[in-house]
PDB file of N, CA and C in Angstrom:
ATOM      1  N   MET A   1      -1.221 -19.747  -7.236  1.00  0.00           N
ATOM      2  CA  MET A   1      -0.202 -18.591  -6.786  1.00  0.00           C
ATOM      3  C   MET A   1      -0.276 -18.515  -5.346  1.00  0.00           C
ATOM      4  N   LYS A   2       0.877 -18.267  -4.574  1.00  0.00           N
ATOM      5  CA  LYS A   2       1.181 -18.269  -3.292  1.00  0.00           C
ATOM      6  C   LYS A   2       0.460 -16.880  -2.794  1.00  0.00           C
ATOM      7  N   ALA A   3      -0.138 -16.998  -1.747  1.00  0.00           N
ATOM      8  CA  ALA A   3      -0.653 -15.613  -1.028  1.00  0.00           C
ATOM      9  C   ALA A   3       0.313 -14.942  -0.471  1.00  0.00           C
ATOM     10  N   ILE A   4       0.588 -13.780  -0.551  1.00  0.00           N
ATOM     11  CA  ILE A   4       1.203 -12.800   0.295  1.00  0.00           C
ATOM     12  C   ILE A   4       0.276 -12.028   1.120  1.00  0.00           C
ATOM     13  N   LYS A   5       0.759 -12.016   2.481  1.00  0.00           N
ATOM     14  CA  LYS A   5       0.247 -10.981   3.363  1.00  0.00           C
ATOM     15  C   LYS A   5       1.392  -9.958   3.928  1.00  0.00           C
ATOM     16  N   LEU A   6       0.561  -8.462   3.549  1.00  0.00           N
ATOM     17  CA  LEU A   6       1.013  -7.558   3.949  1.00  0.00           C
ATOM     18  C   LEU A   6       0.478  -6.695   4.895  1.00  0.00           C
ATOM     19  N   GLU A   7       1.224  -5.651   5.612  1.00  0.00           N
ATOM     20  CA  GLU A   7       0.605  -4.992   6.509  1.00  0.00           C
ATOM     21  C   GLU A   7       0.678  -3.711   6.059  1.00  0.00           C
ATOM     22  N   VAL A   8      -0.547  -3.185   5.884  1.00  0.00           N
ATOM     23  CA  VAL A   8      -0.881  -1.543   5.208  1.00  0.00           C
ATOM     24  C   VAL A   8      -0.857  -0.676   6.676  1.00  0.00           C
ATOM     25  N   ARG A   9      -0.163   0.358   6.693  1.00  0.00           N
ATOM     26  CA  ARG A   9      -0.400   0.995   7.788  1.00  0.00           C
ATOM     27  C   ARG A   9      -0.843   2.596   7.354  1.00  0.00           C
ATOM     28  N   ASN A  10      -1.518   2.937   8.362  1.00  0.00           N
ATOM     29  CA  ASN A  10      -2.061   4.514   7.814  1.00  0.00           C
ATOM     30  C   ASN A  10      -1.407   5.002   8.853  1.00  0.00           C
ATOM     31  N   SER A  11      -0.262   6.145   7.965  1.00  0.00           N
ATOM     32  CA  SER A  11       0.477   7.070   8.652  1.00  0.00           C
ATOM     33  C   SER A  11      -0.182   8.420   9.503  1.00  0.00           C
ATOM     34  N   GLN A  12      -1.621   8.421   9.233  1.00  0.00           N
ATOM     35  CA  GLN A  12      -2.422   9.352   9.995  1.00  0.00           C
ATOM     36  C   GLN A  12      -2.908   9.019  11.120  1.00  0.00           C
ATOM     37  N   THR A  13      -3.489   8.017  11.276  1.00  0.00           N
ATOM     38  CA  THR A  13      -4.112   7.252  12.436  1.00  0.00           C
ATOM     39  C   THR A  13      -2.976   6.246  13.011  1.00  0.00           C
ATOM     40  N   GLY A  14      -2.119   5.480  12.699  1.00  0.00           N
ATOM     41  CA  GLY A  14      -1.396   5.001  13.241  1.00  0.00           C
ATOM     42  C   GLY A  14      -2.044   3.210  13.359  1.00  0.00           C
ATOM     43  N   ASN A  15      -3.241   3.126  12.611  1.00  0.00           N
ATOM     44  CA  ASN A  15      -4.041   1.838  12.158  1.00  0.00           C
ATOM     45  C   ASN A  15      -2.913   1.081  11.150  1.00  0.00           C
ATOM     46  N   SER A  16      -3.344   0.031  11.515  1.00  0.00           N
ATOM     47  CA  SER A  16      -2.986  -0.861  10.053  1.00  0.00           C
ATOM     48  C   SER A  16      -3.841  -1.986  10.063  1.00  0.00           C
ATOM     49  N   ALA A  17      -3.945  -2.653   8.759  1.00  0.00           N
ATOM     50  CA  ALA A  17      -4.764  -3.617   8.187  1.00  0.00           C
ATOM     51  C   ALA A  17      -3.774  -4.411   7.367  1.00  0.00           C
ATOM     52  N   LEU A  18      -4.036  -5.633   7.544  1.00  0.00           N
ATOM     53  CA  LEU A  18      -3.389  -6.796   7.200  1.00  0.00           C
ATOM     54  C   LEU A  18      -4.318  -7.126   5.803  1.00  0.00           C
ATOM     55  N   MET A  19      -3.651  -7.116   4.456  1.00  0.00           N
ATOM     56  CA  MET A  19      -4.022  -7.596   3.152  1.00  0.00           C
ATOM     57  C   MET A  19      -3.596  -8.918   2.517  1.00  0.00           C
ATOM     58  N   GLU A  20      -4.433  -9.521   2.065  1.00  0.00           N
ATOM     59  CA  GLU A  20      -3.624 -10.694   1.459  1.00  0.00           C
ATOM     60  C   GLU A  20      -4.139 -10.545  -0.123  1.00  0.00           C
ATOM     61  N   VAL A  21      -2.477 -10.405  -0.840  1.00  0.00           N
ATOM     62  CA  VAL A  21      -2.583 -10.257  -2.095  1.00  0.00           C
ATOM     63  C   VAL A  21      -1.684 -11.271  -2.730  1.00  0.00           C
ATOM     64  N   ASP A  22      -1.719 -11.359  -4.141  1.00  0.00           N
ATOM     65  CA  ASP A  22      -0.286 -11.875  -4.784  1.00  0.00           C
ATOM     66  C   ASP A  22       0.624 -11.312  -5.516  1.00  0.00           C
ATOM     67  N   SER A  23       1.567 -11.958  -5.941  1.00  0.00           N
ATOM     68  CA  SER A  23       2.549 -11.147  -6.567  1.00  0.00           C
ATOM     69  C   SER A  23       2.321 -10.324  -7.664  1.00  0.00           C
ATOM     70  N   LYS A  24       1.238 -10.701  -8.406  1.00  0.00           N
ATOM     71  CA  LYS A  24       0.855 -10.056  -9.726  1.00  0.00           C
ATOM     72  C   LYS A  24      -0.290  -9.161  -9.314  1.00  0.00           C
ATOM     73  N   THR A  25      -0.432  -8.658  -8.216  1.00  0.00           N
ATOM     74  CA  THR A  25      -1.521  -7.475  -7.818  1.00  0.00           C
ATOM     75  C   THR A  25      -0.442  -6.182  -8.097  1.00  0.00           C
ATOM     76  N   ARG A  26      -1.239  -5.441  -8.411  1.00  0.00           N
ATOM     77  CA  ARG A  26      -0.941  -3.858  -8.427  1.00  0.00           C
ATOM     78  C   ARG A  26      -1.173  -3.190  -7.101  1.00  0.00           C
ATOM     79  N   MET A  27      -0.171  -2.400  -7.172  1.00  0.00           N
ATOM     80  CA  MET A  27       0.003  -1.439  -6.062  1.00  0.00           C
ATOM     81  C   MET A  27      -0.902  -0.662  -5.815  1.00  0.00           C
ATOM     82  N   GLN A  28      -1.604  -0.446  -7.128  1.00  0.00           N
ATOM     83  CA  GLN A  28      -2.984   0.787  -7.249  1.00  0.00           C
ATOM     84  C   GLN A  28      -4.181   0.024  -6.602  1.00  0.00           C
ATOM     85  N   GLU A  29      -4.100  -1.053  -6.664  1.00  0.00           N
ATOM     86  CA  GLU A  29      -5.397  -2.097  -6.099  1.00  0.00           C
ATOM     87  C   GLU A  29      -4.928  -1.841  -4.292  1.00  0.00           C
ATOM     88  N   ILE A  30      -3.911  -2.078  -3.941  1.00  0.00           N
ATOM     89  CA  ILE A  30      -3.543  -2.061  -2.498  1.00  0.00           C
ATOM     90  C   ILE A  30      -4.158  -0.459  -1.853  1.00  0.00           C
ATOM     91  N   LEU A  31      -3.717   0.160  -2.570  1.00  0.00           N
ATOM     92  CA  LEU A  31      -3.878   1.725  -2.710  1.00  0.00           C
ATOM     93  C   LEU A  31      -5.482   1.982  -2.132  1.00  0.00           C
ATOM     94  N   ASP A  32      -6.112   1.392  -3.543  1.00  0.00           N
ATOM     95  CA  ASP A  32      -7.360   1.719  -3.572  1.00  0.00           C
ATOM     96  C   ASP A  32      -7.964   1.097  -2.402  1.00  0.00           C
ATOM     97  N   SER A  33      -7.827  -0.145  -2.075  1.00  0.00           N
ATOM     98  CA  SER A  33      -8.405  -0.680  -1.101  1.00  0.00           C
ATOM     99  C   SER A  33      -8.207  -0.072   0.484  1.00  0.00           C
ATOM    100  N   ALA A  34      -7.141   0.221   0.514  1.00  0.00           N
ATOM    101  CA  ALA A  34      -6.706   1.035   1.855  1.00  0.00           C
ATOM    102  C   ALA A  34      -7.486   2.188   1.946  1.00  0.00           C
ATOM    103  N   VAL A  35      -7.647   2.992   0.890  1.00  0.00           N
ATOM    104  CA  VAL A  35      -8.513   4.366   0.805  1.00  0.00           C
ATOM    105  C   VAL A  35      -9.753   4.025   1.452  1.00  0.00           C
ATOM    106  N   GLU A  36     -10.274   2.955   0.496  1.00  0.00           N
ATOM    107  CA  GLU A  36     -11.736   2.508   1.004  1.00  0.00           C
ATOM    108  C   GLU A  36     -12.100   1.899   2.308  1.00  0.00           C
ATOM    109  N   PHE A  37     -11.096   1.209   2.417  1.00  0.00           N
ATOM    110  CA  PHE A  37     -11.123   0.489   4.156  1.00  0.00           C
ATOM    111  C   PHE A  37     -11.275   1.560   4.862  1.00  0.00           C
ATOM    112  N   TRP A  38     -10.419   2.524   5.131  1.00  0.00           N
ATOM    113  CA  TRP A  38     -10.291   3.578   6.226  1.00  0.00           C
ATOM    114  C   TRP A  38     -11.081   4.947   5.931  1.00  0.00           C
ATOM    115  N   SER A  39     -12.014   4.876   4.856  1.00  0.00           N
ATOM    116  CA  SER A  39     -12.938   5.706   4.370  1.00  0.00           C
ATOM    117  C   SER A  39     -12.275   7.159   4.046  1.00  0.00           C
ATOM    118  N   LEU A  40     -11.062   7.146   3.500  1.00  0.00           N
ATOM    119  CA  LEU A  40     -10.248   8.067   3.334  1.00  0.00           C
ATOM    120  C   LEU A  40     -10.825   9.189   2.200  1.00  0.00           C
ATOM    121  N   SER A  41     -10.600  10.368   2.060  1.00  0.00           N
ATOM    122  CA  SER A  41     -10.976  11.512   0.905  1.00  0.00           C
ATOM    123  C   SER A  41     -10.205  10.895  -0.209  1.00  0.00           C
ATOM    124  N   ARG A  42     -10.370  11.315  -1.416  1.00  0.00           N
ATOM    125  CA  ARG A  42      -9.638  10.361  -2.573  1.00  0.00           C
ATOM    126  C   ARG A  42      -8.617  11.578  -2.751  1.00  0.00           C
ATOM    127  N   GLU A  43      -7.961  12.017  -2.105  1.00  0.00           N
ATOM    128  CA  GLU A  43      -6.628  12.782  -2.159  1.00  0.00           C
ATOM    129  C   GLU A  43      -5.743  11.862  -2.509  1.00  0.00           C
ATOM    130  N   ALA A  44      -4.691  12.365  -3.064  1.00  0.00           N
ATOM    131  CA  ALA A  44      -3.524  11.819  -3.453  1.00  0.00           C
ATOM    132  C   ALA A  44      -2.719  10.892  -2.094  1.00  0.00           C
ATOM    133  N   TYR A  45      -2.157   9.826  -2.246  1.00  0.00           N
ATOM    134  CA  TYR A  45      -1.359   9.209  -1.052  1.00  0.00           C
ATOM    135  C   TYR A  45      -0.120   8.527  -1.963  1.00  0.00           C
ATOM    136  N   LEU A  46       0.829   8.465  -1.064  1.00  0.00           N
ATOM    137  CA  LEU A  46       1.755   7.927  -1.520  1.00  0.00           C
ATOM    138  C   LEU A  46       2.038   6.555  -0.615  1.00  0.00           C
ATOM    139  N   MET A  47       2.763   5.823  -1.142  1.00  0.00           N
ATOM    140  CA  MET A  47       3.035   4.424  -0.530  1.00  0.00           C
ATOM    141  C   MET A  47       4.392   4.092   0.063  1.00  0.00           C
ATOM    142  N   LYS A  48       4.977   3.774   0.935  1.00  0.00           N
ATOM    143  CA  LYS A  48       6.586   3.648   1.081  1.00  0.00           C
ATOM    144  C   LYS A  48       6.482   2.394   1.941  1.00  0.00           C
ATOM    145  N   THR A  49       7.851   1.782   1.751  1.00  0.00           N
ATOM    146  CA  THR A  49       8.207   0.501   2.419  1.00  0.00           C
ATOM    147  C   THR A  49       9.718   0.969   3.135  1.00  0.00           C
ATOM    148  N   GLY A  50       9.863   1.068   4.234  1.00  0.00           N
ATOM    149  CA  GLY A  50      11.279   1.379   4.220  1.00  0.00           C
ATOM    150  C   GLY A  50      11.638   2.902   3.991  1.00  0.00           C
ATOM    151  N   LYS A  51      12.565   3.391   3.208  1.00  0.00           N
ATOM    152  CA  LYS A  51      12.651   4.645   3.009  1.00  0.00           C
ATOM    153  C   LYS A  51      12.229   4.490   1.170  1.00  0.00           C
ATOM    154  N   ARG A  52      11.990   3.801   0.988  1.00  0.00           N
ATOM    155  CA  ARG A  52      11.560   3.394  -0.763  1.00  0.00           C
ATOM    156  C   ARG A  52      10.133   4.141  -1.004  1.00  0.00           C
ATOM    157  N   LEU A  53       9.878   4.478  -2.071  1.00  0.00           N
ATOM    158  CA  LEU A  53       8.481   5.225  -2.487  1.00  0.00           C
ATOM    159  C   LEU A  53       8.398   3.660  -3.346  1.00  0.00           C
ATOM    160  N   LEU A  54       6.880   3.354  -3.249  1.00  0.00           N
ATOM    161  CA  LEU A  54       6.302   2.368  -4.159  1.00  0.00           C
ATOM    162  C   LEU A  54       5.688   3.039  -5.342  1.00  0.00           C
ATOM    163  N   SER A  55       5.904   2.805  -6.474  1.00  0.00           N
ATOM    164  CA  SER A  55       4.930   3.155  -7.436  1.00  0.00           C
ATOM    165  C   SER A  55       3.817   2.121  -7.902  1.00  0.00           C
ATOM    166  N   ALA A  56       2.466   3.029  -7.794  1.00  0.00           N
ATOM    167  CA  ALA A  56       1.120   2.396  -7.974  1.00  0.00           C
ATOM    168  C   ALA A  56       0.979   1.376  -9.168  1.00  0.00           C
ATOM    169  N   SER A  57       1.833   1.933 -10.302  1.00  0.00           N
ATOM    170  CA  SER A  57       1.569   1.378 -11.259  1.00  0.00           C
ATOM    171  C   SER A  57       2.598  -0.079 -11.369  1.00  0.00           C
ATOM    172  N   LYS A  58       3.083  -0.533 -10.492  1.00  0.00           N
ATOM    173  CA  LYS A  58       3.767  -1.502 -10.334  1.00  0.00           C
ATOM    174  C   LYS A  58       3.132  -2.785  -9.697  1.00  0.00           C
ATOM    175  N   THR A  59       3.747  -4.003  -9.848  1.00  0.00           N
ATOM    176  CA  THR A  59       3.092  -4.936  -9.231  1.00  0.00           C
ATOM    177  C   THR A  59       4.006  -5.418  -7.764  1.00  0.00           C
ATOM    178  N   VAL A  60       3.331  -6.207  -6.887  1.00  0.00           N
ATOM    179  CA  VAL A  60       3.818  -6.654  -5.807  1.00  0.00           C
ATOM    180  C   VAL A  60       5.028  -7.108  -5.860  1.00  0.00           C
ATOM    181  N   SER A  61       5.425  -8.252  -6.859  1.00  0.00           N
ATOM    182  CA  SER A  61       6.759  -8.569  -7.262  1.00  0.00           C
ATOM    183  C   SER A  61       7.689  -7.684  -7.659  1.00  0.00           C
ATOM    184  N   ASP A  62       6.864  -6.622  -8.691  1.00  0.00           N
ATOM    185  CA  ASP A  62       7.981  -5.447  -9.298  1.00  0.00           C
ATOM    186  C   ASP A  62       8.702  -4.672  -8.206  1.00  0.00           C
ATOM    187  N   CYS A  63       7.761  -4.720  -7.079  1.00  0.00           N
ATOM    188  CA  CYS A  63       8.436  -3.775  -5.974  1.00  0.00           C
ATOM    189  C   CYS A  63       9.411  -4.667  -4.855  1.00  0.00           C
ATOM    190  N   GLY A  64       9.422  -5.694  -5.049  1.00  0.00           N
ATOM    191  CA  GLY A  64      10.173  -6.836  -4.040  1.00  0.00           C
ATOM    192  C   GLY A  64       9.643  -6.964  -2.802  1.00  0.00           C
ATOM    193  N   LEU A  65       8.428  -6.962  -3.015  1.00  0.00           N
ATOM    194  CA  LEU A  65       7.837  -7.034  -1.494  1.00  0.00           C
ATOM    195  C   LEU A  65       7.634  -8.427  -1.095  1.00  0.00           C
ATOM    196  N   ASN A  66       7.680  -8.954  -0.112  1.00  0.00           N
ATOM    197  CA  ASN A  66       7.471 -10.483   0.454  1.00  0.00           C
ATOM    198  C   ASN A  66       6.624 -10.460   1.720  1.00  0.00           C
ATOM    199  N   ASP A  67       5.934 -11.688   1.981  1.00  0.00           N
ATOM    200  CA  ASP A  67       5.103 -12.144   3.023  1.00  0.00           C
ATOM    201  C   ASP A  67       5.409 -11.438   4.202  1.00  0.00           C
ATOM    202  N   GLY A  68       4.607 -10.647   4.818  1.00  0.00           N
ATOM    203  CA  GLY A  68       5.024 -10.213   6.179  1.00  0.00           C
ATOM    204  C   GLY A  68       5.613  -8.886   6.332  1.00  0.00           C
ATOM    205  N   ASP A  69       5.772  -8.240   5.123  1.00  0.00           N
ATOM    206  CA  ASP A  69       6.305  -6.727   4.894  1.00  0.00           C
ATOM    207  C   ASP A  69       5.232  -5.714   4.908  1.00  0.00           C
ATOM    208  N   ALA A  70       5.967  -4.536   5.624  1.00  0.00           N
ATOM    209  CA  ALA A  70       4.880  -3.314   5.893  1.00  0.00           C
ATOM    210  C   ALA A  70       4.862  -2.353   4.849  1.00  0.00           C
ATOM    211  N   ILE A  71       3.899  -1.783   4.511  1.00  0.00           N
ATOM    212  CA  ILE A  71       3.635  -0.732   3.331  1.00  0.00           C
ATOM    213  C   ILE A  71       3.122   0.673   4.342  1.00  0.00           C
ATOM    214  N   ASP A  72       3.942   1.790   4.398  1.00  0.00           N
ATOM    215  CA  ASP A  72       3.043   3.084   4.762  1.00  0.00           C
ATOM    216  C   ASP A  72       2.188   3.581   3.937  1.00  0.00           C
ATOM    217  N   LEU A  73       1.124   4.062   4.247  1.00  0.00           N
ATOM    218  CA  LEU A  73       0.338   5.067   3.523  1.00  0.00           C
ATOM    219  C   LEU A  73       0.481   6.311   4.055  1.00  0.00           C
ATOM    220  N   LEU A  74       0.977   7.252   3.310  1.00  0.00           N
ATOM    221  CA  LEU A  74       1.009   8.927   3.768  1.00  0.00           C
ATOM    222  C   LEU A  74       0.511   9.828   2.476  1.00  0.00           C
ATOM    223  N   PRO A  75      -0.281  11.082   3.005  1.00  0.00           N
ATOM    224  CA  PRO A  75      -0.638  11.861   2.046  1.00  0.00           C
ATOM    225  C   PRO A  75       0.373  12.260   1.311  1.00  0.00           C
ATOM    226  N   ASP A  76       0.349  12.755   0.133  1.00  0.00           N
ATOM    227  CA  ASP A  76       1.319  12.852  -0.629  1.00  0.00           C
ATOM    228  C   ASP A  76       1.120  14.445  -0.691  1.00  0.00           C
ATOM    229  N   PRO A  77       2.295  15.073  -0.317  1.00  0.00           N
ATOM    230  CA  PRO A  77       2.687  16.413   0.176  1.00  0.00           C
ATOM    231  C   PRO A  77       2.576  17.432  -0.862  1.00  0.00           C
ATOM    232  N   GLU A  78       2.374  16.744  -2.068  1.00  0.00           N
ATOM    233  CA  GLU A  78       2.238  17.635  -3.519  1.00  0.00           C
ATOM    234  C   GLU A  78       0.474  17.344  -3.818  1.00  0.00           C
ATOM    235  N   GLY A  79      -0.139  16.806  -3.257  1.00  0.00           N
ATOM    236  CA  GLY A  79      -1.337  16.428  -3.558  1.00  0.00           C
ATOM    237  C   GLY A  79      -1.554  15.740  -4.822  1.00  0.00           C
ATOM    238  N   GLY A  80      -3.210  15.857  -5.214  1.00  0.00           N
ATOM    239  CA  GLY A  80      -3.023  14.831  -6.565  1.00  0.00           C
ATOM    240  C   GLY A  80      -3.290  15.782  -7.767  1.00  0.00           C
TER     241      GLY A  80
END
């Protein structure tokens, strides 16, 4: 399976990290890795690309993400 490189951006700090995944990786795994990487509290976060929200229960493929795409991680205004 071909590796897909995604940029995950922390909207609170402006920092970003590159993550290598495959098309079957669940978005929840990406979210969990980002929260752990930046030592964020376990409060709820949203992921979006452009103006589109990404569901944590979907896969990279389901979300139509491709090599080089960016995901923005932002706190959920409604909390967890």
